[in-house]
Amino acid sequence: MAERRKPGKDVQRASERIALSVPARITWKDASGAVRFASVMTRDVGDGGVFVECDGGAAIPLFRLVHLQIERASAAHQHLPPRLREGRVLSAVWRVAPCRRSTGTPSGYALRFLVEPAGQLTRTAAPTLAAVAV
């Protein structure tokens, strides 16, 4: 069930987020270059990013590049942004949630997509072209 969420007073988002819980997987390379992965559940999904809840595994450092992929069975969900339906999305760990006492690992991660949000290209490309034409 999807529910629209409004950011808190201290959070500024470029796009609206929707509360949506679907299974996903994140993959990344650790400090030694080994490929790691974790099964996660999305919590808030938007055009520019997502918050994922993670029950275990190794902690992922802030600003680490990760690939997020929604599990195949949930990829057709109507509230998912199109880029999440298509496959893996390159993202950066933007915020690390507090650690759980039971595991000592973060309870989740805010990921920012490293691709332009839908409609963003049109707004940023126009001034650039105008500046070149002058």
C-alpha atoms as a PDB file:
ATOM      1  CA  MET A   1       0.000   0.000   0.000  1.00  0.00           C
ATOM      2  CA  ALA A   2       1.494   3.350  -1.032  1.00  0.00           C
ATOM      3  CA  GLU A   3       1.031   6.445   1.049  1.00  0.00           C
ATOM      4  CA  ARG A   4       2.210   9.964   0.227  1.00  0.00           C
ATOM      5  CA  ARG A   5       4.698  11.335   2.741  1.00  0.00           C
ATOM      6  CA  LYS A   6       5.660  14.919   3.308  1.00  0.00           C
ATOM      7  CA  PRO A   7       9.224  15.696   4.368  1.00  0.00           C
ATOM      8  CA  GLY A   8       9.802  17.052   7.861  1.00  0.00           C
ATOM      9  CA  LYS A   9      10.662  20.676   8.503  1.00  0.00           C
ATOM     10  CA  ASP A  10      14.409  20.003   8.394  1.00  0.00           C
ATOM     11  CA  VAL A  11      14.364  17.824   5.247  1.00  0.00           C
ATOM     12  CA  GLN A  12      14.424  19.428   1.811  1.00  0.00           C
ATOM     13  CA  ARG A  13      13.704  17.105  -1.069  1.00  0.00           C
ATOM     14  CA  ALA A  14      13.661  17.832  -4.770  1.00  0.00           C
ATOM     15  CA  SER A  15      10.802  15.381  -5.316  1.00  0.00           C
ATOM     16  CA  GLU A  16       7.917  13.928  -3.329  1.00  0.00           C
ATOM     17  CA  ARG A  17       8.416  10.562  -1.657  1.00  0.00           C
ATOM     18  CA  ILE A  18       5.867   7.782  -1.372  1.00  0.00           C
ATOM     19  CA  ALA A  19       5.820   5.258   1.473  1.00  0.00           C
ATOM     20  CA  LEU A  20       6.286   1.981  -0.365  1.00  0.00           C
ATOM     21  CA  SER A  21       7.596  -1.302   0.961  1.00  0.00           C
ATOM     22  CA  VAL A  22       9.011  -3.620  -1.703  1.00  0.00           C
ATOM     23  CA  PRO A  23      11.963  -6.024  -1.505  1.00  0.00           C
ATOM     24  CA  ALA A  24      15.205  -5.000  -3.182  1.00  0.00           C
ATOM     25  CA  ARG A  25      18.909  -5.771  -3.235  1.00  0.00           C
ATOM     26  CA  ILE A  26      21.876  -3.437  -2.959  1.00  0.00           C
ATOM     27  CA  THR A  27      25.375  -4.303  -4.135  1.00  0.00           C
ATOM     28  CA  TRP A  28      28.625  -2.438  -3.542  1.00  0.00           C
ATOM     29  CA  LYS A  29      32.370  -2.947  -3.299  1.00  0.00           C
ATOM     30  CA  ASP A  30      33.935  -2.813   0.128  1.00  0.00           C
ATOM     31  CA  ALA A  31      37.270  -1.165   0.978  1.00  0.00           C
ATOM     32  CA  SER A  32      39.199  -4.217  -0.237  1.00  0.00           C
ATOM     33  CA  GLY A  33      37.331  -4.313  -3.563  1.00  0.00           C
ATOM     34  CA  ALA A  34      35.201  -7.356  -2.764  1.00  0.00           C
ATOM     35  CA  VAL A  35      31.625  -7.240  -4.053  1.00  0.00           C
ATOM     36  CA  ARG A  36      29.092  -7.246  -1.208  1.00  0.00           C
ATOM     37  CA  PHE A  37      25.312  -7.401  -1.260  1.00  0.00           C
ATOM     38  CA  ALA A  38      22.390  -7.056   1.109  1.00  0.00           C
ATOM     39  CA  SER A  39      18.673  -7.725   0.880  1.00  0.00           C
ATOM     40  CA  VAL A  40      16.678  -4.634   1.848  1.00  0.00           C
ATOM     41  CA  MET A  41      13.114  -3.308   1.948  1.00  0.00           C
ATOM     42  CA  THR A  42      12.257   0.099   0.580  1.00  0.00           C
ATOM     43  CA  ARG A  43      10.472   2.480   2.917  1.00  0.00           C
ATOM     44  CA  ASP A  44      10.232   5.817   1.076  1.00  0.00           C
ATOM     45  CA  VAL A  45      10.573   5.984  -2.706  1.00  0.00           C
ATOM     46  CA  GLY A  46      10.873   9.052  -4.940  1.00  0.00           C
ATOM     47  CA  ASP A  47      12.254  10.134  -8.305  1.00  0.00           C
ATOM     48  CA  GLY A  48      15.535  11.248  -6.758  1.00  0.00           C
ATOM     49  CA  GLY A  49      16.151   8.642  -4.094  1.00  0.00           C
ATOM     50  CA  VAL A  50      14.933   5.995  -1.713  1.00  0.00           C
ATOM     51  CA  PHE A  51      15.286   4.977   1.914  1.00  0.00           C
ATOM     52  CA  VAL A  52      15.960   1.286   2.438  1.00  0.00           C
ATOM     53  CA  GLU A  53      15.745  -0.716   5.650  1.00  0.00           C
ATOM     54  CA  CYS A  54      18.495  -3.277   6.115  1.00  0.00           C
ATOM     55  CA  ASP A  55      18.310  -6.076   8.694  1.00  0.00           C
ATOM     56  CA  GLY A  56      21.913  -7.140   8.743  1.00  0.00           C
ATOM     57  CA  GLY A  57      25.147  -7.534   6.921  1.00  0.00           C
ATOM     58  CA  ALA A  58      28.149  -5.271   6.858  1.00  0.00           C
ATOM     59  CA  ALA A  59      27.729  -1.552   7.442  1.00  0.00           C
ATOM     60  CA  ILE A  60      27.968   0.571   4.307  1.00  0.00           C
ATOM     61  CA  PRO A  61      29.958   3.804   4.666  1.00  0.00           C
ATOM     62  CA  LEU A  62      28.518   7.219   3.899  1.00  0.00           C
ATOM     63  CA  PHE A  63      28.891   8.286   0.221  1.00  0.00           C
ATOM     64  CA  ARG A  64      29.683   4.714  -0.926  1.00  0.00           C
ATOM     65  CA  LEU A  65      28.423   3.982  -4.446  1.00  0.00           C
ATOM     66  CA  VAL A  66      25.856   1.189  -4.534  1.00  0.00           C
ATOM     67  CA  HIS A  67      23.555  -0.370  -7.098  1.00  0.00           C
ATOM     68  CA  LEU A  68      19.922  -0.745  -6.091  1.00  0.00           C
ATOM     69  CA  GLN A  69      17.683  -3.265  -7.817  1.00  0.00           C
ATOM     70  CA  ILE A  70      14.059  -3.994  -6.983  1.00  0.00           C
ATOM     71  CA  GLU A  71      13.263  -7.708  -6.785  1.00  0.00           C
ATOM     72  CA  ARG A  72      11.763  -8.963 -10.050  1.00  0.00           C
ATOM     73  CA  ALA A  73       8.381  -9.901  -8.523  1.00  0.00           C
ATOM     74  CA  SER A  74       7.831  -6.291  -7.333  1.00  0.00           C
ATOM     75  CA  ALA A  75       9.368  -4.401 -10.256  1.00  0.00           C
ATOM     76  CA  ALA A  76       5.996  -3.812 -11.941  1.00  0.00           C
ATOM     77  CA  HIS A  77       4.522  -1.987  -8.914  1.00  0.00           C
ATOM     78  CA  GLN A  78       2.620   1.033 -10.221  1.00  0.00           C
ATOM     79  CA  HIS A  79       4.055   3.492  -7.666  1.00  0.00           C
ATOM     80  CA  LEU A  80       7.704   2.730  -8.452  1.00  0.00           C
ATOM     81  CA  PRO A  81       9.569   5.382 -10.446  1.00  0.00           C
ATOM     82  CA  PRO A  82      10.289   4.104 -13.979  1.00  0.00           C
ATOM     83  CA  ARG A  83      14.056   3.900 -13.426  1.00  0.00           C
ATOM     84  CA  LEU A  84      13.538   1.422 -10.569  1.00  0.00           C
ATOM     85  CA  ARG A  85      11.387  -0.798 -12.787  1.00  0.00           C
ATOM     86  CA  GLU A  86      14.093  -0.968 -15.459  1.00  0.00           C
ATOM     87  CA  GLY A  87      16.889  -2.581 -13.457  1.00  0.00           C
ATOM     88  CA  ARG A  88      19.895  -1.542 -11.384  1.00  0.00           C
ATOM     89  CA  VAL A  89      20.173   2.122 -10.425  1.00  0.00           C
ATOM     90  CA  LEU A  90      23.519   3.629  -9.455  1.00  0.00           C
ATOM     91  CA  SER A  91      23.121   5.442  -6.142  1.00  0.00           C
ATOM     92  CA  ALA A  92      25.163   6.955  -3.338  1.00  0.00           C
ATOM     93  CA  VAL A  93      24.645   6.377   0.373  1.00  0.00           C
ATOM     94  CA  TRP A  94      23.448   9.815   1.405  1.00  0.00           C
ATOM     95  CA  ARG A  95      22.488   9.174   5.024  1.00  0.00           C
ATOM     96  CA  VAL A  96      23.126   6.289   7.410  1.00  0.00           C
ATOM     97  CA  ALA A  97      20.394   5.544   9.961  1.00  0.00           C
ATOM     98  CA  PRO A  98      21.280   4.909  13.609  1.00  0.00           C
ATOM     99  CA  CYS A  99      22.666   1.485  14.501  1.00  0.00           C
ATOM    100  CA  ARG A 100      20.499  -1.189  16.089  1.00  0.00           C
ATOM    101  CA  ARG A 101      21.608  -2.299  19.524  1.00  0.00           C
ATOM    102  CA  SER A 102      20.978  -5.938  18.682  1.00  0.00           C
ATOM    103  CA  THR A 103      23.254  -6.055  15.608  1.00  0.00           C
ATOM    104  CA  GLY A 104      25.467  -2.989  15.840  1.00  0.00           C
ATOM    105  CA  THR A 105      24.764  -2.230  12.184  1.00  0.00           C
ATOM    106  CA  PRO A 106      22.717   0.626  10.700  1.00  0.00           C
ATOM    107  CA  SER A 107      18.980   0.052  10.451  1.00  0.00           C
ATOM    108  CA  GLY A 108      18.838   1.617   6.999  1.00  0.00           C
ATOM    109  CA  TYR A 109      20.273   3.934   4.374  1.00  0.00           C
ATOM    110  CA  ALA A 110      19.031   6.912   2.418  1.00  0.00           C
ATOM    111  CA  LEU A 111      20.195   6.484  -1.164  1.00  0.00           C
ATOM    112  CA  ARG A 112      20.373   9.294  -3.705  1.00  0.00           C
ATOM    113  CA  PHE A 113      20.095   8.226  -7.326  1.00  0.00           C
ATOM    114  CA  LEU A 114      23.021   9.327  -9.472  1.00  0.00           C
ATOM    115  CA  VAL A 115      20.860   9.955 -12.518  1.00  0.00           C
ATOM    116  CA  GLU A 116      18.848  13.032 -13.442  1.00  0.00           C
ATOM    117  CA  PRO A 117      15.255  12.936 -12.138  1.00  0.00           C
ATOM    118  CA  ALA A 118      12.512  12.869 -14.778  1.00  0.00           C
ATOM    119  CA  GLY A 119      11.882  16.382 -16.103  1.00  0.00           C
ATOM    120  CA  GLN A 120      15.091  17.733 -14.565  1.00  0.00           C
ATOM    121  CA  LEU A 121      17.007  17.570 -17.855  1.00  0.00           C
ATOM    122  CA  THR A 122      14.567  19.887 -19.586  1.00  0.00           C
ATOM    123  CA  ARG A 123      14.856  22.543 -16.890  1.00  0.00           C
ATOM    124  CA  THR A 124      18.653  22.491 -16.643  1.00  0.00           C
ATOM    125  CA  ALA A 125      19.409  22.085 -20.355  1.00  0.00           C
ATOM    126  CA  ALA A 126      17.479  25.162 -21.508  1.00  0.00           C
ATOM    127  CA  PRO A 127      19.606  27.788 -19.658  1.00  0.00           C
ATOM    128  CA  THR A 128      22.791  26.022 -20.741  1.00  0.00           C
ATOM    129  CA  LEU A 129      21.779  26.154 -24.413  1.00  0.00           C
ATOM    130  CA  ALA A 130      20.758  29.811 -24.080  1.00  0.00           C
ATOM    131  CA  ALA A 131      24.132  30.673 -22.547  1.00  0.00           C
ATOM    132  CA  VAL A 132      25.968  28.944 -25.407  1.00  0.00           C
ATOM    133  CA  ALA A 133      23.889  30.741 -28.066  1.00  0.00           C
ATOM    134  CA  VAL A 134      24.738  34.220 -26.704  1.00  0.00           C
END
